[in-house]
Amino acid sequence: MSAGRARVLELAVLGHLAEAPMHGYELRKHLNADLGAFHAFSYGSLYPGLKSMLHRDLVAASAGDGGAARGRRSRIVYRLTEHGRDRLHELLSESTPAATDDECFGVHFTLFGRTAAEVRLRILDGRRTRLLERLSALRERLRGQVQDPYTVELNRHRAAAIESEVDWLDTLIRRERRCAEGSAGSDASIGGNPPPGVGAPPHTDNRH
């Protein structure tokens, strides 16, 4: 697993366990339901990640009592430790470029309710800047370049998807700034309707 994906998994797991203890299957179900197609966590990535977090004392594990009552092996229940809460706070305080990339941004966004207002704004601004740079490069590629018409159409579709996300980010940034101005720095969420994708930004194929 790449370092970036490991960080995404750690942030997502700690954020969910901050809500309530969960066994592995339940945790994976919540992760995939909340993040949808933006991120799909498999058992092959989740359990090695949990093992690493156990080793670092970010989470603790105990046997649940549901399975034993039915004569089956008890499921392992994971909960957040105090060290894990500190680590989650540290991760949610970061607004580094990594927080705005395709691996991390959607996960950070689902945890904005736990994130300080100024950090939310920095991440949104950073994501917007990253996408505008990507859009500029894509438009440059389209200008005056003879390409297969289907390749051109695909790149136009990608450009439109990026523009859509930039418009969405502009709306969020305006709301965040109005909220900050009207509530003297309150860290309350911006409210209103959730964005498309059940907490994830509009899906963009940003690989090109």
C-alpha atoms as a PDB file:
ATOM      1  CA  MET A   1       0.000   0.000   0.000  1.00  0.00           C
ATOM      2  CA  SER A   2       1.352   3.433  -0.918  1.00  0.00           C
ATOM      3  CA  ALA A   3       2.126   5.962   1.810  1.00  0.00           C
ATOM      4  CA  GLY A   4      -0.658   8.210   0.526  1.00  0.00           C
ATOM      5  CA  ARG A   5      -3.273   5.463   0.583  1.00  0.00           C
ATOM      6  CA  ALA A   6      -2.113   4.342   4.038  1.00  0.00           C
ATOM      7  CA  ARG A   7      -2.634   7.908   5.289  1.00  0.00           C
ATOM      8  CA  VAL A   8      -6.116   8.026   3.746  1.00  0.00           C
ATOM      9  CA  LEU A   9      -7.034   4.733   5.393  1.00  0.00           C
ATOM     10  CA  GLU A  10      -5.692   5.861   8.773  1.00  0.00           C
ATOM     11  CA  LEU A  11      -7.632   9.126   8.659  1.00  0.00           C
ATOM     12  CA  ALA A  12     -10.853   7.416   7.574  1.00  0.00           C
ATOM     13  CA  VAL A  13     -10.632   4.653  10.191  1.00  0.00           C
ATOM     14  CA  LEU A  14      -9.778   6.982  13.066  1.00  0.00           C
ATOM     15  CA  GLY A  15     -12.558   9.351  12.026  1.00  0.00           C
ATOM     16  CA  HIS A  16     -15.168   6.584  12.053  1.00  0.00           C
ATOM     17  CA  LEU A  17     -13.970   5.020  15.297  1.00  0.00           C
ATOM     18  CA  ALA A  18     -14.200   8.447  16.928  1.00  0.00           C
ATOM     19  CA  GLU A  19     -17.967   8.075  16.478  1.00  0.00           C
ATOM     20  CA  ALA A  20     -18.277   4.588  17.993  1.00  0.00           C
ATOM     21  CA  PRO A  21     -16.387   1.277  18.368  1.00  0.00           C
ATOM     22  CA  MET A  22     -16.946  -1.090  15.430  1.00  0.00           C
ATOM     23  CA  HIS A  23     -15.955  -4.558  14.304  1.00  0.00           C
ATOM     24  CA  GLY A  24     -14.006  -4.873  11.061  1.00  0.00           C
ATOM     25  CA  TYR A  25     -16.901  -5.762   8.760  1.00  0.00           C
ATOM     26  CA  GLU A  26     -19.045  -2.940  10.128  1.00  0.00           C
ATOM     27  CA  LEU A  27     -16.160  -0.486   9.806  1.00  0.00           C
ATOM     28  CA  ARG A  28     -15.540  -1.446   6.182  1.00  0.00           C
ATOM     29  CA  LYS A  29     -19.264  -1.143   5.409  1.00  0.00           C
ATOM     30  CA  HIS A  30     -19.390   2.358   6.903  1.00  0.00           C
ATOM     31  CA  LEU A  31     -16.258   3.445   5.057  1.00  0.00           C
ATOM     32  CA  ASN A  32     -17.551   2.288   1.690  1.00  0.00           C
ATOM     33  CA  ALA A  33     -21.079   3.630   2.295  1.00  0.00           C
ATOM     34  CA  ASP A  34     -19.849   7.076   3.326  1.00  0.00           C
ATOM     35  CA  LEU A  35     -17.173   7.444   0.687  1.00  0.00           C
ATOM     36  CA  GLY A  36     -18.918   5.553  -2.103  1.00  0.00           C
ATOM     37  CA  ALA A  37     -17.072   5.215  -5.372  1.00  0.00           C
ATOM     38  CA  PHE A  38     -14.575   7.877  -4.320  1.00  0.00           C
ATOM     39  CA  HIS A  39     -12.790   5.245  -2.230  1.00  0.00           C
ATOM     40  CA  ALA A  40     -13.477   1.543  -1.871  1.00  0.00           C
ATOM     41  CA  PHE A  41     -11.631  -0.172   0.948  1.00  0.00           C
ATOM     42  CA  SER A  42     -11.089  -3.903   0.603  1.00  0.00           C
ATOM     43  CA  TYR A  43     -10.342  -6.386   3.352  1.00  0.00           C
ATOM     44  CA  GLY A  44      -6.873  -6.679   1.838  1.00  0.00           C
ATOM     45  CA  SER A  45      -6.110  -3.056   2.698  1.00  0.00           C
ATOM     46  CA  LEU A  46      -8.283  -2.527   5.782  1.00  0.00           C
ATOM     47  CA  TYR A  47      -6.989  -5.308   8.014  1.00  0.00           C
ATOM     48  CA  PRO A  48      -3.252  -4.694   7.463  1.00  0.00           C
ATOM     49  CA  GLY A  49      -4.001  -1.026   8.170  1.00  0.00           C
ATOM     50  CA  LEU A  50      -5.824  -1.905  11.390  1.00  0.00           C
ATOM     51  CA  LYS A  51      -2.919  -4.138  12.415  1.00  0.00           C
ATOM     52  CA  SER A  52      -0.507  -1.243  11.946  1.00  0.00           C
ATOM     53  CA  MET A  53      -2.770   1.068  13.973  1.00  0.00           C
ATOM     54  CA  LEU A  54      -2.985  -1.529  16.749  1.00  0.00           C
ATOM     55  CA  HIS A  55       0.800  -1.776  16.830  1.00  0.00           C
ATOM     56  CA  ARG A  56       1.068   2.024  17.125  1.00  0.00           C
ATOM     57  CA  ASP A  57      -1.594   2.145  19.880  1.00  0.00           C
ATOM     58  CA  LEU A  58      -3.954   4.260  17.777  1.00  0.00           C
ATOM     59  CA  VAL A  59      -6.741   1.699  18.176  1.00  0.00           C
ATOM     60  CA  ALA A  60      -7.441  -1.112  20.631  1.00  0.00           C
ATOM     61  CA  ALA A  61      -9.181  -4.422  19.935  1.00  0.00           C
ATOM     62  CA  SER A  62     -11.405  -6.578  22.116  1.00  0.00           C
ATOM     63  CA  ALA A  63     -13.674  -9.571  21.554  1.00  0.00           C
ATOM     64  CA  GLY A  64     -17.320  -8.708  21.039  1.00  0.00           C
ATOM     65  CA  ASP A  65     -19.989 -10.748  22.841  1.00  0.00           C
ATOM     66  CA  GLY A  66     -22.394 -11.299  19.926  1.00  0.00           C
ATOM     67  CA  GLY A  67     -20.696 -14.307  18.365  1.00  0.00           C
ATOM     68  CA  ALA A  68     -20.007 -16.206  21.571  1.00  0.00           C
ATOM     69  CA  ALA A  69     -23.697 -16.291  22.480  1.00  0.00           C
ATOM     70  CA  ARG A  70     -24.406 -18.093  19.197  1.00  0.00           C
ATOM     71  CA  GLY A  71     -21.537 -20.558  19.542  1.00  0.00           C
ATOM     72  CA  ARG A  72     -19.349 -18.783  17.001  1.00  0.00           C
ATOM     73  CA  ARG A  73     -16.043 -17.049  17.362  1.00  0.00           C
ATOM     74  CA  SER A  74     -16.534 -13.500  18.622  1.00  0.00           C
ATOM     75  CA  ARG A  75     -15.892 -10.681  16.213  1.00  0.00           C
ATOM     76  CA  ILE A  76     -13.084  -8.317  17.094  1.00  0.00           C
ATOM     77  CA  VAL A  77     -14.316  -4.858  18.035  1.00  0.00           C
ATOM     78  CA  TYR A  78     -12.011  -1.895  17.413  1.00  0.00           C
ATOM     79  CA  ARG A  79     -12.114   1.341  19.383  1.00  0.00           C
ATOM     80  CA  LEU A  80     -10.133   4.554  19.379  1.00  0.00           C
ATOM     81  CA  THR A  81      -7.448   5.050  22.050  1.00  0.00           C
ATOM     82  CA  GLU A  82      -6.437   8.386  23.546  1.00  0.00           C
ATOM     83  CA  HIS A  83      -3.316   8.247  21.409  1.00  0.00           C
ATOM     84  CA  GLY A  84      -5.585   7.630  18.420  1.00  0.00           C
ATOM     85  CA  ARG A  85      -7.670  10.694  19.287  1.00  0.00           C
ATOM     86  CA  ASP A  86      -4.503  12.780  19.426  1.00  0.00           C
ATOM     87  CA  ARG A  87      -3.408  11.402  16.055  1.00  0.00           C
ATOM     88  CA  LEU A  88      -6.833  12.138  14.537  1.00  0.00           C
ATOM     89  CA  HIS A  89      -6.651  15.711  15.825  1.00  0.00           C
ATOM     90  CA  GLU A  90      -3.174  16.022  14.309  1.00  0.00           C
ATOM     91  CA  LEU A  91      -4.345  14.728  10.922  1.00  0.00           C
ATOM     92  CA  LEU A  92      -7.394  17.008  10.933  1.00  0.00           C
ATOM     93  CA  SER A  93      -5.186  20.011  11.700  1.00  0.00           C
ATOM     94  CA  GLU A  94      -3.096  19.492   8.563  1.00  0.00           C
ATOM     95  CA  SER A  95      -3.660  21.494   5.410  1.00  0.00           C
ATOM     96  CA  THR A  96      -0.618  20.264   3.513  1.00  0.00           C
ATOM     97  CA  PRO A  97      -0.751  19.673  -0.262  1.00  0.00           C
ATOM     98  CA  ALA A  98      -1.416  15.988   0.492  1.00  0.00           C
ATOM     99  CA  ALA A  99      -4.795  16.949   1.987  1.00  0.00           C
ATOM    100  CA  THR A 100      -5.918  18.337  -1.375  1.00  0.00           C
ATOM    101  CA  ASP A 101      -4.850  15.476  -3.632  1.00  0.00           C
ATOM    102  CA  ASP A 102      -7.105  12.870  -5.173  1.00  0.00           C
ATOM    103  CA  GLU A 103      -6.254  10.275  -2.515  1.00  0.00           C
ATOM    104  CA  CYS A 104      -6.988  12.409   0.548  1.00  0.00           C
ATOM    105  CA  PHE A 105      -9.403  15.207  -0.251  1.00  0.00           C
ATOM    106  CA  GLY A 106     -12.653  13.226  -0.183  1.00  0.00           C
ATOM    107  CA  VAL A 107     -11.791  11.651   3.165  1.00  0.00           C
ATOM    108  CA  HIS A 108     -10.854  15.023   4.658  1.00  0.00           C
ATOM    109  CA  PHE A 109     -14.114  16.457   3.378  1.00  0.00           C
ATOM    110  CA  THR A 110     -16.239  13.800   5.093  1.00  0.00           C
ATOM    111  CA  LEU A 111     -14.545  14.825   8.357  1.00  0.00           C
ATOM    112  CA  PHE A 112     -14.993  18.588   7.936  1.00  0.00           C
ATOM    113  CA  GLY A 113     -17.501  18.581  10.795  1.00  0.00           C
ATOM    114  CA  ARG A 114     -14.545  17.812  13.092  1.00  0.00           C
ATOM    115  CA  THR A 115     -12.147  20.199  11.357  1.00  0.00           C
ATOM    116  CA  ALA A 116     -11.398  23.799  12.362  1.00  0.00           C
ATOM    117  CA  ALA A 117     -12.874  26.459  10.070  1.00  0.00           C
ATOM    118  CA  GLU A 118      -9.532  27.924   9.006  1.00  0.00           C
ATOM    119  CA  VAL A 119      -8.208  24.462   8.114  1.00  0.00           C
ATOM    120  CA  ARG A 120     -11.339  23.704   6.081  1.00  0.00           C
ATOM    121  CA  LEU A 121     -10.837  26.892   4.092  1.00  0.00           C
ATOM    122  CA  ARG A 122      -7.163  26.185   3.456  1.00  0.00           C
ATOM    123  CA  ILE A 123      -7.975  22.693   2.199  1.00  0.00           C
ATOM    124  CA  LEU A 124     -10.793  23.940  -0.048  1.00  0.00           C
ATOM    125  CA  ASP A 125      -8.589  26.726  -1.439  1.00  0.00           C
ATOM    126  CA  GLY A 126      -5.743  24.279  -1.961  1.00  0.00           C
ATOM    127  CA  ARG A 127      -7.978  21.806  -3.766  1.00  0.00           C
ATOM    128  CA  ARG A 128      -9.318  24.588  -5.995  1.00  0.00           C
ATOM    129  CA  THR A 129      -5.790  25.733  -6.888  1.00  0.00           C
ATOM    130  CA  ARG A 130      -4.730  22.175  -7.677  1.00  0.00           C
ATOM    131  CA  LEU A 131      -7.712  21.661  -9.985  1.00  0.00           C
ATOM    132  CA  LEU A 132      -7.230  24.988 -11.774  1.00  0.00           C
ATOM    133  CA  GLU A 133      -3.622  24.038 -12.506  1.00  0.00           C
ATOM    134  CA  ARG A 134      -4.805  20.686 -13.845  1.00  0.00           C
ATOM    135  CA  LEU A 135      -7.499  22.371 -15.934  1.00  0.00           C
ATOM    136  CA  SER A 136      -5.000  24.833 -17.397  1.00  0.00           C
ATOM    137  CA  ALA A 137      -2.674  22.001 -18.418  1.00  0.00           C
ATOM    138  CA  LEU A 138      -5.568  20.089 -19.976  1.00  0.00           C
ATOM    139  CA  ARG A 139      -6.766  23.107 -21.964  1.00  0.00           C
ATOM    140  CA  GLU A 140      -3.234  23.734 -23.182  1.00  0.00           C
ATOM    141  CA  ARG A 141      -3.101  20.157 -24.410  1.00  0.00           C
ATOM    142  CA  LEU A 142      -6.386  20.646 -26.268  1.00  0.00           C
ATOM    143  CA  ARG A 143      -5.374  23.916 -27.945  1.00  0.00           C
ATOM    144  CA  GLY A 144      -3.984  23.593 -31.443  1.00  0.00           C
ATOM    145  CA  GLN A 145      -3.186  19.905 -31.063  1.00  0.00           C
ATOM    146  CA  VAL A 146      -4.268  17.439 -33.715  1.00  0.00           C
ATOM    147  CA  GLN A 147      -5.693  14.432 -31.907  1.00  0.00           C
ATOM    148  CA  ASP A 148      -7.997  11.557 -32.515  1.00  0.00           C
ATOM    149  CA  PRO A 149     -11.540  12.997 -32.200  1.00  0.00           C
ATOM    150  CA  TYR A 150     -12.441  10.535 -29.461  1.00  0.00           C
ATOM    151  CA  THR A 151      -9.380  11.558 -27.452  1.00  0.00           C
ATOM    152  CA  VAL A 152     -10.409  15.186 -27.870  1.00  0.00           C
ATOM    153  CA  GLU A 153     -13.927  14.390 -26.692  1.00  0.00           C
ATOM    154  CA  LEU A 154     -12.605  12.509 -23.669  1.00  0.00           C
ATOM    155  CA  ASN A 155     -10.377  15.435 -22.704  1.00  0.00           C
ATOM    156  CA  ARG A 156     -13.307  17.832 -23.086  1.00  0.00           C
ATOM    157  CA  HIS A 157     -15.323  15.615 -20.772  1.00  0.00           C
ATOM    158  CA  ARG A 158     -12.487  15.643 -18.232  1.00  0.00           C
ATOM    159  CA  ALA A 159     -12.232  19.424 -18.477  1.00  0.00           C
ATOM    160  CA  ALA A 160     -15.987  19.784 -17.905  1.00  0.00           C
ATOM    161  CA  ALA A 161     -15.788  17.506 -14.858  1.00  0.00           C
ATOM    162  CA  ILE A 162     -12.951  19.569 -13.375  1.00  0.00           C
ATOM    163  CA  GLU A 163     -14.863  22.805 -14.057  1.00  0.00           C
ATOM    164  CA  SER A 164     -17.877  21.325 -12.256  1.00  0.00           C
ATOM    165  CA  GLU A 165     -15.813  20.540  -9.173  1.00  0.00           C
ATOM    166  CA  VAL A 166     -14.231  24.015  -9.226  1.00  0.00           C
ATOM    167  CA  ASP A 167     -17.725  25.585  -9.308  1.00  0.00           C
ATOM    168  CA  TRP A 168     -18.750  23.373  -6.371  1.00  0.00           C
ATOM    169  CA  LEU A 169     -15.625  24.393  -4.440  1.00  0.00           C
ATOM    170  CA  ASP A 170     -16.305  28.077  -5.154  1.00  0.00           C
ATOM    171  CA  THR A 171     -19.765  27.682  -3.618  1.00  0.00           C
ATOM    172  CA  LEU A 172     -18.362  25.951  -0.537  1.00  0.00           C
ATOM    173  CA  ILE A 173     -15.624  28.542  -0.077  1.00  0.00           C
ATOM    174  CA  ARG A 174     -18.149  31.395  -0.235  1.00  0.00           C
ATOM    175  CA  ARG A 175     -20.343  29.647   2.349  1.00  0.00           C
ATOM    176  CA  GLU A 176     -17.398  28.995   4.644  1.00  0.00           C
ATOM    177  CA  ARG A 177     -16.293  32.620   4.478  1.00  0.00           C
ATOM    178  CA  ARG A 178     -19.804  33.904   5.155  1.00  0.00           C
ATOM    179  CA  CYS A 179     -20.083  31.500   8.081  1.00  0.00           C
ATOM    180  CA  ALA A 180     -16.745  32.682   9.495  1.00  0.00           C
ATOM    181  CA  GLU A 181     -17.704  36.341   9.140  1.00  0.00           C
ATOM    182  CA  GLY A 182     -21.117  35.835  10.716  1.00  0.00           C
ATOM    183  CA  SER A 183     -20.146  33.599  13.612  1.00  0.00           C
ATOM    184  CA  ALA A 184     -16.903  35.130  14.853  1.00  0.00           C
ATOM    185  CA  GLY A 185     -14.804  32.138  13.899  1.00  0.00           C
ATOM    186  CA  SER A 186     -17.223  29.397  14.865  1.00  0.00           C
ATOM    187  CA  ASP A 187     -16.127  25.920  13.816  1.00  0.00           C
ATOM    188  CA  ALA A 188     -19.692  24.829  13.074  1.00  0.00           C
ATOM    189  CA  SER A 189     -20.260  23.144   9.734  1.00  0.00           C
ATOM    190  CA  ILE A 190     -21.591  25.209   6.849  1.00  0.00           C
ATOM    191  CA  GLY A 191     -24.917  23.356   6.822  1.00  0.00           C
ATOM    192  CA  GLY A 192     -27.144  23.205   3.788  1.00  0.00           C
ATOM    193  CA  ASN A 193     -27.467  20.289   1.421  1.00  0.00           C
ATOM    194  CA  PRO A 194     -24.616  17.782   1.213  1.00  0.00           C
ATOM    195  CA  PRO A 195     -22.597  17.725  -2.006  1.00  0.00           C
ATOM    196  CA  PRO A 196     -23.117  14.980  -4.589  1.00  0.00           C
ATOM    197  CA  GLY A 197     -21.714  11.548  -3.779  1.00  0.00           C
ATOM    198  CA  VAL A 198     -22.821  11.218  -0.126  1.00  0.00           C
ATOM    199  CA  GLY A 199     -20.050  13.320   1.322  1.00  0.00           C
ATOM    200  CA  ALA A 200     -17.568  13.003  -1.523  1.00  0.00           C
ATOM    201  CA  PRO A 201     -16.894  15.707  -4.097  1.00  0.00           C
ATOM    202  CA  PRO A 202     -18.279  15.354  -7.613  1.00  0.00           C
ATOM    203  CA  HIS A 203     -16.467  12.423  -9.191  1.00  0.00           C
ATOM    204  CA  THR A 204     -13.689  13.543 -11.497  1.00  0.00           C
ATOM    205  CA  ASP A 205     -11.374  11.304 -13.469  1.00  0.00           C
ATOM    206  CA  ASN A 206      -8.257  13.264 -12.549  1.00  0.00           C
ATOM    207  CA  ARG A 207      -5.707  10.755 -13.663  1.00  0.00           C
ATOM    208  CA  HIS A 208      -4.875  12.781 -16.770  1.00  0.00           C
END
